[in-house]
């Protein structure tokens, strides 16, 4: 089973957000301008939803919790209530900086809200599975959310001063966090993160 902006395979049935199913049928152009082929009918979720769904599988209560315009516009958190596990998918990553896929309906604001939802659902012993990286606890998600907020505020201040994207990136608003973000390509991840923040702030979102 996977979470985030992917179909969920549970008990032989595929589940997915309404928005995810729509995008599988109507894919957005990629960064190279080429539009992928639509998904084959057999690959589409059999059950789609836009509100919370609760499943009961082998004695486990599984909650599918939609989050809005986070990594994409089709993300789902999966909470295994009795096991005290949350599969967060790509709305949270324990390596690299946060990433919103703007091309597929994602947003930094949505990521902040989604991380808040994860934090609200989790207890001190909850295991949280990210889309990328190692399993973590609630404290790590709080730190990730706080990092996002801190860098967003720095980028917003630079944008308010009339700085260009190039000037904002050169100011290295992620500098105090770079050593704490585990990833082989941390510099690339940081630049992408700053660009996302700057783009969203300038668009007034």
C-alpha atoms as a PDB file:
ATOM      1  CA  UNK A   1       0.000   0.000   0.000  1.00  0.00           C
ATOM      2  CA  UNK A   2       1.219   3.497  -0.753  1.00  0.00           C
ATOM      3  CA  UNK A   3      -0.033   6.907   0.283  1.00  0.00           C
ATOM      4  CA  UNK A   4       0.235  10.429  -1.015  1.00  0.00           C
ATOM      5  CA  UNK A   5      -0.803  11.044  -4.630  1.00  0.00           C
ATOM      6  CA  UNK A   6      -1.021   7.364  -5.553  1.00  0.00           C
ATOM      7  CA  UNK A   7      -3.731   4.754  -5.694  1.00  0.00           C
ATOM      8  CA  UNK A   8      -4.117   2.608  -2.581  1.00  0.00           C
ATOM      9  CA  UNK A   9      -4.410  -1.176  -3.011  1.00  0.00           C
ATOM     10  CA  UNK A  10      -6.422  -2.632  -0.137  1.00  0.00           C
ATOM     11  CA  UNK A  11      -8.045  -6.061  -0.057  1.00  0.00           C
ATOM     12  CA  UNK A  12      -7.707  -6.470  -3.808  1.00  0.00           C
ATOM     13  CA  UNK A  13      -9.418  -3.129  -4.522  1.00  0.00           C
ATOM     14  CA  UNK A  14      -7.745   0.107  -5.656  1.00  0.00           C
ATOM     15  CA  UNK A  15      -8.776   3.341  -3.935  1.00  0.00           C
ATOM     16  CA  UNK A  16      -7.848   6.877  -4.963  1.00  0.00           C
ATOM     17  CA  UNK A  17      -8.938  10.489  -4.678  1.00  0.00           C
ATOM     18  CA  UNK A  18     -11.397  11.821  -7.283  1.00  0.00           C
ATOM     19  CA  UNK A  19      -8.725  14.337  -8.310  1.00  0.00           C
ATOM     20  CA  UNK A  20      -6.098  11.622  -8.692  1.00  0.00           C
ATOM     21  CA  UNK A  21      -8.354   9.571 -10.954  1.00  0.00           C
ATOM     22  CA  UNK A  22      -9.115  12.660 -13.068  1.00  0.00           C
ATOM     23  CA  UNK A  23      -5.412  13.438 -13.482  1.00  0.00           C
ATOM     24  CA  UNK A  24      -4.684   9.857 -14.482  1.00  0.00           C
ATOM     25  CA  UNK A  25      -7.207  10.269 -17.285  1.00  0.00           C
ATOM     26  CA  UNK A  26      -6.145  13.861 -18.089  1.00  0.00           C
ATOM     27  CA  UNK A  27      -2.391  14.036 -17.278  1.00  0.00           C
ATOM     28  CA  UNK A  28      -0.678  17.420 -17.088  1.00  0.00           C
ATOM     29  CA  UNK A  29       2.256  18.198 -19.411  1.00  0.00           C
ATOM     30  CA  UNK A  30       5.643  17.341 -17.917  1.00  0.00           C
ATOM     31  CA  UNK A  31       8.480  19.815 -17.391  1.00  0.00           C
ATOM     32  CA  UNK A  32       9.670  19.059 -20.938  1.00  0.00           C
ATOM     33  CA  UNK A  33       6.267  20.051 -22.329  1.00  0.00           C
ATOM     34  CA  UNK A  34       5.310  16.507 -23.311  1.00  0.00           C
ATOM     35  CA  UNK A  35       1.976  15.213 -22.054  1.00  0.00           C
ATOM     36  CA  UNK A  36       2.042  11.554 -20.916  1.00  0.00           C
ATOM     37  CA  UNK A  37      -0.525   9.120 -22.264  1.00  0.00           C
ATOM     38  CA  UNK A  38      -3.654   8.676 -20.127  1.00  0.00           C
ATOM     39  CA  UNK A  39      -3.621   5.709 -17.760  1.00  0.00           C
ATOM     40  CA  UNK A  40      -5.208   2.514 -19.008  1.00  0.00           C
ATOM     41  CA  UNK A  41      -8.698   1.863 -17.555  1.00  0.00           C
ATOM     42  CA  UNK A  42      -7.382  -1.136 -15.610  1.00  0.00           C
ATOM     43  CA  UNK A  43      -4.922   1.180 -13.794  1.00  0.00           C
ATOM     44  CA  UNK A  44      -7.601   3.580 -12.539  1.00  0.00           C
ATOM     45  CA  UNK A  45      -8.914   3.434  -8.951  1.00  0.00           C
ATOM     46  CA  UNK A  46     -12.017   1.286  -8.687  1.00  0.00           C
ATOM     47  CA  UNK A  47     -13.236   3.353  -5.722  1.00  0.00           C
ATOM     48  CA  UNK A  48     -12.701   7.113  -5.684  1.00  0.00           C
ATOM     49  CA  UNK A  49     -13.486   9.559  -2.894  1.00  0.00           C
ATOM     50  CA  UNK A  50     -13.105  13.188  -1.852  1.00  0.00           C
ATOM     51  CA  UNK A  51     -13.901  12.904   1.848  1.00  0.00           C
ATOM     52  CA  UNK A  52     -12.594  10.715   4.687  1.00  0.00           C
ATOM     53  CA  UNK A  53     -13.066   6.959   4.302  1.00  0.00           C
ATOM     54  CA  UNK A  54     -12.771   4.322   7.034  1.00  0.00           C
ATOM     55  CA  UNK A  55     -11.996   0.706   6.157  1.00  0.00           C
ATOM     56  CA  UNK A  56     -11.932  -2.329   8.430  1.00  0.00           C
ATOM     57  CA  UNK A  57      -9.349  -4.864   7.282  1.00  0.00           C
ATOM     58  CA  UNK A  58      -8.256  -7.932   9.278  1.00  0.00           C
ATOM     59  CA  UNK A  59      -9.147  -6.289  12.583  1.00  0.00           C
ATOM     60  CA  UNK A  60      -7.384  -3.019  11.707  1.00  0.00           C
ATOM     61  CA  UNK A  61      -9.158   0.325  11.359  1.00  0.00           C
ATOM     62  CA  UNK A  62      -7.697   2.113   8.340  1.00  0.00           C
ATOM     63  CA  UNK A  63      -8.600   5.760   7.787  1.00  0.00           C
ATOM     64  CA  UNK A  64      -8.077   7.437   4.405  1.00  0.00           C
ATOM     65  CA  UNK A  65      -7.772  11.172   5.070  1.00  0.00           C
ATOM     66  CA  UNK A  66      -7.703  13.532   2.060  1.00  0.00           C
ATOM     67  CA  UNK A  67      -5.446  16.585   2.327  1.00  0.00           C
ATOM     68  CA  UNK A  68      -5.981  19.520  -0.036  1.00  0.00           C
ATOM     69  CA  UNK A  69      -3.521  20.820  -2.598  1.00  0.00           C
ATOM     70  CA  UNK A  70      -0.438  19.657  -0.702  1.00  0.00           C
ATOM     71  CA  UNK A  71       2.160  17.700  -2.696  1.00  0.00           C
ATOM     72  CA  UNK A  72      -0.541  17.480  -5.405  1.00  0.00           C
ATOM     73  CA  UNK A  73      -4.323  17.948  -5.430  1.00  0.00           C
ATOM     74  CA  UNK A  74      -4.891  14.210  -4.952  1.00  0.00           C
ATOM     75  CA  UNK A  75      -3.056  13.359  -1.721  1.00  0.00           C
ATOM     76  CA  UNK A  76      -4.261  10.998   0.997  1.00  0.00           C
ATOM     77  CA  UNK A  77      -2.910  10.296   4.474  1.00  0.00           C
ATOM     78  CA  UNK A  78      -3.418   6.688   5.595  1.00  0.00           C
ATOM     79  CA  UNK A  79      -3.823   6.158   9.330  1.00  0.00           C
ATOM     80  CA  UNK A  80      -3.626   2.669  10.831  1.00  0.00           C
ATOM     81  CA  UNK A  81      -5.376   3.396  14.102  1.00  0.00           C
ATOM     82  CA  UNK A  82      -4.611   0.272  16.139  1.00  0.00           C
ATOM     83  CA  UNK A  83      -1.020  -0.005  14.899  1.00  0.00           C
ATOM     84  CA  UNK A  84      -0.440   3.727  15.557  1.00  0.00           C
ATOM     85  CA  UNK A  85       1.068   4.292  12.108  1.00  0.00           C
ATOM     86  CA  UNK A  86       0.517   7.100   9.605  1.00  0.00           C
ATOM     87  CA  UNK A  87       1.606   6.737   5.980  1.00  0.00           C
ATOM     88  CA  UNK A  88       2.086  10.342   4.927  1.00  0.00           C
ATOM     89  CA  UNK A  89       3.263   9.811   1.362  1.00  0.00           C
ATOM     90  CA  UNK A  90       4.847  12.741  -0.427  1.00  0.00           C
ATOM     91  CA  UNK A  91       3.264  15.418   1.758  1.00  0.00           C
ATOM     92  CA  UNK A  92       6.184  14.678   4.094  1.00  0.00           C
ATOM     93  CA  UNK A  93       9.751  13.641   3.350  1.00  0.00           C
ATOM     94  CA  UNK A  94      12.440  12.971   5.932  1.00  0.00           C
ATOM     95  CA  UNK A  95      15.197  13.682   3.389  1.00  0.00           C
ATOM     96  CA  UNK A  96      15.536  16.877   1.399  1.00  0.00           C
ATOM     97  CA  UNK A  97      13.398  19.984   1.579  1.00  0.00           C
ATOM     98  CA  UNK A  98       9.597  20.055   1.224  1.00  0.00           C
ATOM     99  CA  UNK A  99       8.294  19.736  -2.317  1.00  0.00           C
ATOM    100  CA  UNK A 100       4.950  20.742  -3.809  1.00  0.00           C
ATOM    101  CA  UNK A 101       4.196  19.703  -7.374  1.00  0.00           C
ATOM    102  CA  UNK A 102       2.655  22.975  -8.596  1.00  0.00           C
ATOM    103  CA  UNK A 103       2.040  21.462 -12.014  1.00  0.00           C
ATOM    104  CA  UNK A 104      -0.354  18.933 -10.492  1.00  0.00           C
ATOM    105  CA  UNK A 105      -2.245  21.112  -8.043  1.00  0.00           C
ATOM    106  CA  UNK A 106       0.216  21.150  -5.151  1.00  0.00           C
ATOM    107  CA  UNK A 107       0.986  24.191  -3.010  1.00  0.00           C
ATOM    108  CA  UNK A 108       3.225  25.205  -0.134  1.00  0.00           C
ATOM    109  CA  UNK A 109       0.196  26.389   1.834  1.00  0.00           C
ATOM    110  CA  UNK A 110      -1.398  22.985   1.331  1.00  0.00           C
ATOM    111  CA  UNK A 111       1.791  21.274   2.511  1.00  0.00           C
ATOM    112  CA  UNK A 112       1.777  23.356   5.695  1.00  0.00           C
ATOM    113  CA  UNK A 113      -1.861  22.432   6.347  1.00  0.00           C
ATOM    114  CA  UNK A 114      -1.204  18.735   5.581  1.00  0.00           C
ATOM    115  CA  UNK A 115       1.766  18.624   7.942  1.00  0.00           C
ATOM    116  CA  UNK A 116      -0.444  20.188  10.586  1.00  0.00           C
ATOM    117  CA  UNK A 117      -2.956  17.395  10.027  1.00  0.00           C
ATOM    118  CA  UNK A 118      -0.253  14.742  10.458  1.00  0.00           C
ATOM    119  CA  UNK A 119       0.937  16.427  13.659  1.00  0.00           C
ATOM    120  CA  UNK A 120      -2.628  16.585  14.967  1.00  0.00           C
ATOM    121  CA  UNK A 121      -3.251  12.896  14.277  1.00  0.00           C
ATOM    122  CA  UNK A 122       0.047  11.647  15.689  1.00  0.00           C
ATOM    123  CA  UNK A 123       0.878  10.848  19.272  1.00  0.00           C
ATOM    124  CA  UNK A 124       4.327  10.624  20.888  1.00  0.00           C
ATOM    125  CA  UNK A 125       4.789   6.995  19.816  1.00  0.00           C
ATOM    126  CA  UNK A 126       3.236   7.162  16.348  1.00  0.00           C
ATOM    127  CA  UNK A 127       5.403   5.881  13.501  1.00  0.00           C
ATOM    128  CA  UNK A 128       5.168   8.181  10.477  1.00  0.00           C
ATOM    129  CA  UNK A 129       6.135   6.850   7.058  1.00  0.00           C
ATOM    130  CA  UNK A 130       7.276   9.531   4.593  1.00  0.00           C
ATOM    131  CA  UNK A 131       7.193   9.456   0.816  1.00  0.00           C
ATOM    132  CA  UNK A 132      11.004   9.638   0.862  1.00  0.00           C
ATOM    133  CA  UNK A 133      13.392   8.754   3.676  1.00  0.00           C
ATOM    134  CA  UNK A 134      13.263   6.854   6.941  1.00  0.00           C
ATOM    135  CA  UNK A 135      10.292   6.377   9.277  1.00  0.00           C
ATOM    136  CA  UNK A 136      10.155   9.107  11.943  1.00  0.00           C
ATOM    137  CA  UNK A 137       8.110  10.300  14.904  1.00  0.00           C
ATOM    138  CA  UNK A 138       5.839  13.291  15.494  1.00  0.00           C
ATOM    139  CA  UNK A 139       8.705  15.514  16.671  1.00  0.00           C
ATOM    140  CA  UNK A 140      10.456  15.131  13.305  1.00  0.00           C
ATOM    141  CA  UNK A 141       7.325  16.224  11.439  1.00  0.00           C
ATOM    142  CA  UNK A 142       6.997  19.261  13.715  1.00  0.00           C
ATOM    143  CA  UNK A 143      10.625  20.184  12.974  1.00  0.00           C
ATOM    144  CA  UNK A 144       9.995  19.774   9.235  1.00  0.00           C
ATOM    145  CA  UNK A 145       6.891  22.001   9.409  1.00  0.00           C
ATOM    146  CA  UNK A 146       8.749  24.629  11.467  1.00  0.00           C
ATOM    147  CA  UNK A 147      11.618  24.628   8.946  1.00  0.00           C
ATOM    148  CA  UNK A 148       9.123  25.223   6.145  1.00  0.00           C
ATOM    149  CA  UNK A 149       7.538  28.139   7.989  1.00  0.00           C
ATOM    150  CA  UNK A 150      10.890  29.723   8.855  1.00  0.00           C
ATOM    151  CA  UNK A 151      12.220  29.588   5.298  1.00  0.00           C
ATOM    152  CA  UNK A 152       8.898  30.768   3.884  1.00  0.00           C
ATOM    153  CA  UNK A 153       9.069  33.859   6.108  1.00  0.00           C
ATOM    154  CA  UNK A 154      12.625  34.600   4.963  1.00  0.00           C
ATOM    155  CA  UNK A 155      11.701  34.259   1.297  1.00  0.00           C
ATOM    156  CA  UNK A 156       8.607  36.424   1.823  1.00  0.00           C
ATOM    157  CA  UNK A 157      10.744  39.162   3.383  1.00  0.00           C
ATOM    158  CA  UNK A 158      13.172  39.111   0.452  1.00  0.00           C
ATOM    159  CA  UNK A 159      10.327  39.157  -2.074  1.00  0.00           C
ATOM    160  CA  UNK A 160       8.764  42.113  -0.228  1.00  0.00           C
ATOM    161  CA  UNK A 161      12.074  43.977  -0.689  1.00  0.00           C
ATOM    162  CA  UNK A 162      11.704  43.507  -4.437  1.00  0.00           C
ATOM    163  CA  UNK A 163      14.412  40.863  -4.743  1.00  0.00           C
ATOM    164  CA  UNK A 164      14.359  38.716  -7.875  1.00  0.00           C
ATOM    165  CA  UNK A 165      14.291  34.932  -7.728  1.00  0.00           C
ATOM    166  CA  UNK A 166      18.009  34.857  -8.523  1.00  0.00           C
ATOM    167  CA  UNK A 167      18.769  37.366  -5.745  1.00  0.00           C
ATOM    168  CA  UNK A 168      16.568  35.473  -3.299  1.00  0.00           C
ATOM    169  CA  UNK A 169      18.280  32.172  -4.095  1.00  0.00           C
ATOM    170  CA  UNK A 170      21.715  33.809  -3.804  1.00  0.00           C
ATOM    171  CA  UNK A 171      20.772  35.044  -0.301  1.00  0.00           C
ATOM    172  CA  UNK A 172      20.567  31.361   0.758  1.00  0.00           C
ATOM    173  CA  UNK A 173      17.489  31.567   2.991  1.00  0.00           C
ATOM    174  CA  UNK A 174      17.889  27.864   3.822  1.00  0.00           C
ATOM    175  CA  UNK A 175      21.491  28.236   5.070  1.00  0.00           C
ATOM    176  CA  UNK A 176      20.804  27.646   8.771  1.00  0.00           C
ATOM    177  CA  UNK A 177      19.032  24.371   7.961  1.00  0.00           C
ATOM    178  CA  UNK A 178      21.238  22.953   5.193  1.00  0.00           C
ATOM    179  CA  UNK A 179      23.467  20.958   7.533  1.00  0.00           C
ATOM    180  CA  UNK A 180      20.396  19.345   9.135  1.00  0.00           C
ATOM    181  CA  UNK A 181      18.739  18.217   5.912  1.00  0.00           C
ATOM    182  CA  UNK A 182      20.053  14.767   4.948  1.00  0.00           C
ATOM    183  CA  UNK A 183      20.297  14.354   1.196  1.00  0.00           C
ATOM    184  CA  UNK A 184      23.127  13.861  -1.264  1.00  0.00           C
ATOM    185  CA  UNK A 185      21.768  16.667  -3.446  1.00  0.00           C
ATOM    186  CA  UNK A 186      20.790  19.044  -0.652  1.00  0.00           C
ATOM    187  CA  UNK A 187      21.853  22.147  -2.589  1.00  0.00           C
ATOM    188  CA  UNK A 188      19.628  21.226  -5.532  1.00  0.00           C
ATOM    189  CA  UNK A 189      16.763  20.429  -3.169  1.00  0.00           C
ATOM    190  CA  UNK A 190      17.208  23.778  -1.383  1.00  0.00           C
ATOM    191  CA  UNK A 191      17.169  25.772  -4.627  1.00  0.00           C
ATOM    192  CA  UNK A 192      14.009  24.003  -5.780  1.00  0.00           C
ATOM    193  CA  UNK A 193      12.375  24.684  -2.414  1.00  0.00           C
ATOM    194  CA  UNK A 194      13.240  28.398  -2.534  1.00  0.00           C
ATOM    195  CA  UNK A 195      11.914  28.649  -6.088  1.00  0.00           C
ATOM    196  CA  UNK A 196       8.621  27.034  -5.044  1.00  0.00           C
ATOM    197  CA  UNK A 197       8.254  29.419  -2.112  1.00  0.00           C
ATOM    198  CA  UNK A 198       9.123  32.466  -4.203  1.00  0.00           C
ATOM    199  CA  UNK A 199       6.731  31.464  -6.989  1.00  0.00           C
ATOM    200  CA  UNK A 200       3.827  30.961  -4.610  1.00  0.00           C
ATOM    201  CA  UNK A 201       4.516  34.153  -2.634  1.00  0.00           C
ATOM    202  CA  UNK A 202       4.759  36.278  -5.783  1.00  0.00           C
ATOM    203  CA  UNK A 203       1.500  34.766  -7.031  1.00  0.00           C
ATOM    204  CA  UNK A 204      -0.129  35.964  -3.787  1.00  0.00           C
ATOM    205  CA  UNK A 205      -1.200  32.523  -2.635  1.00  0.00           C
END
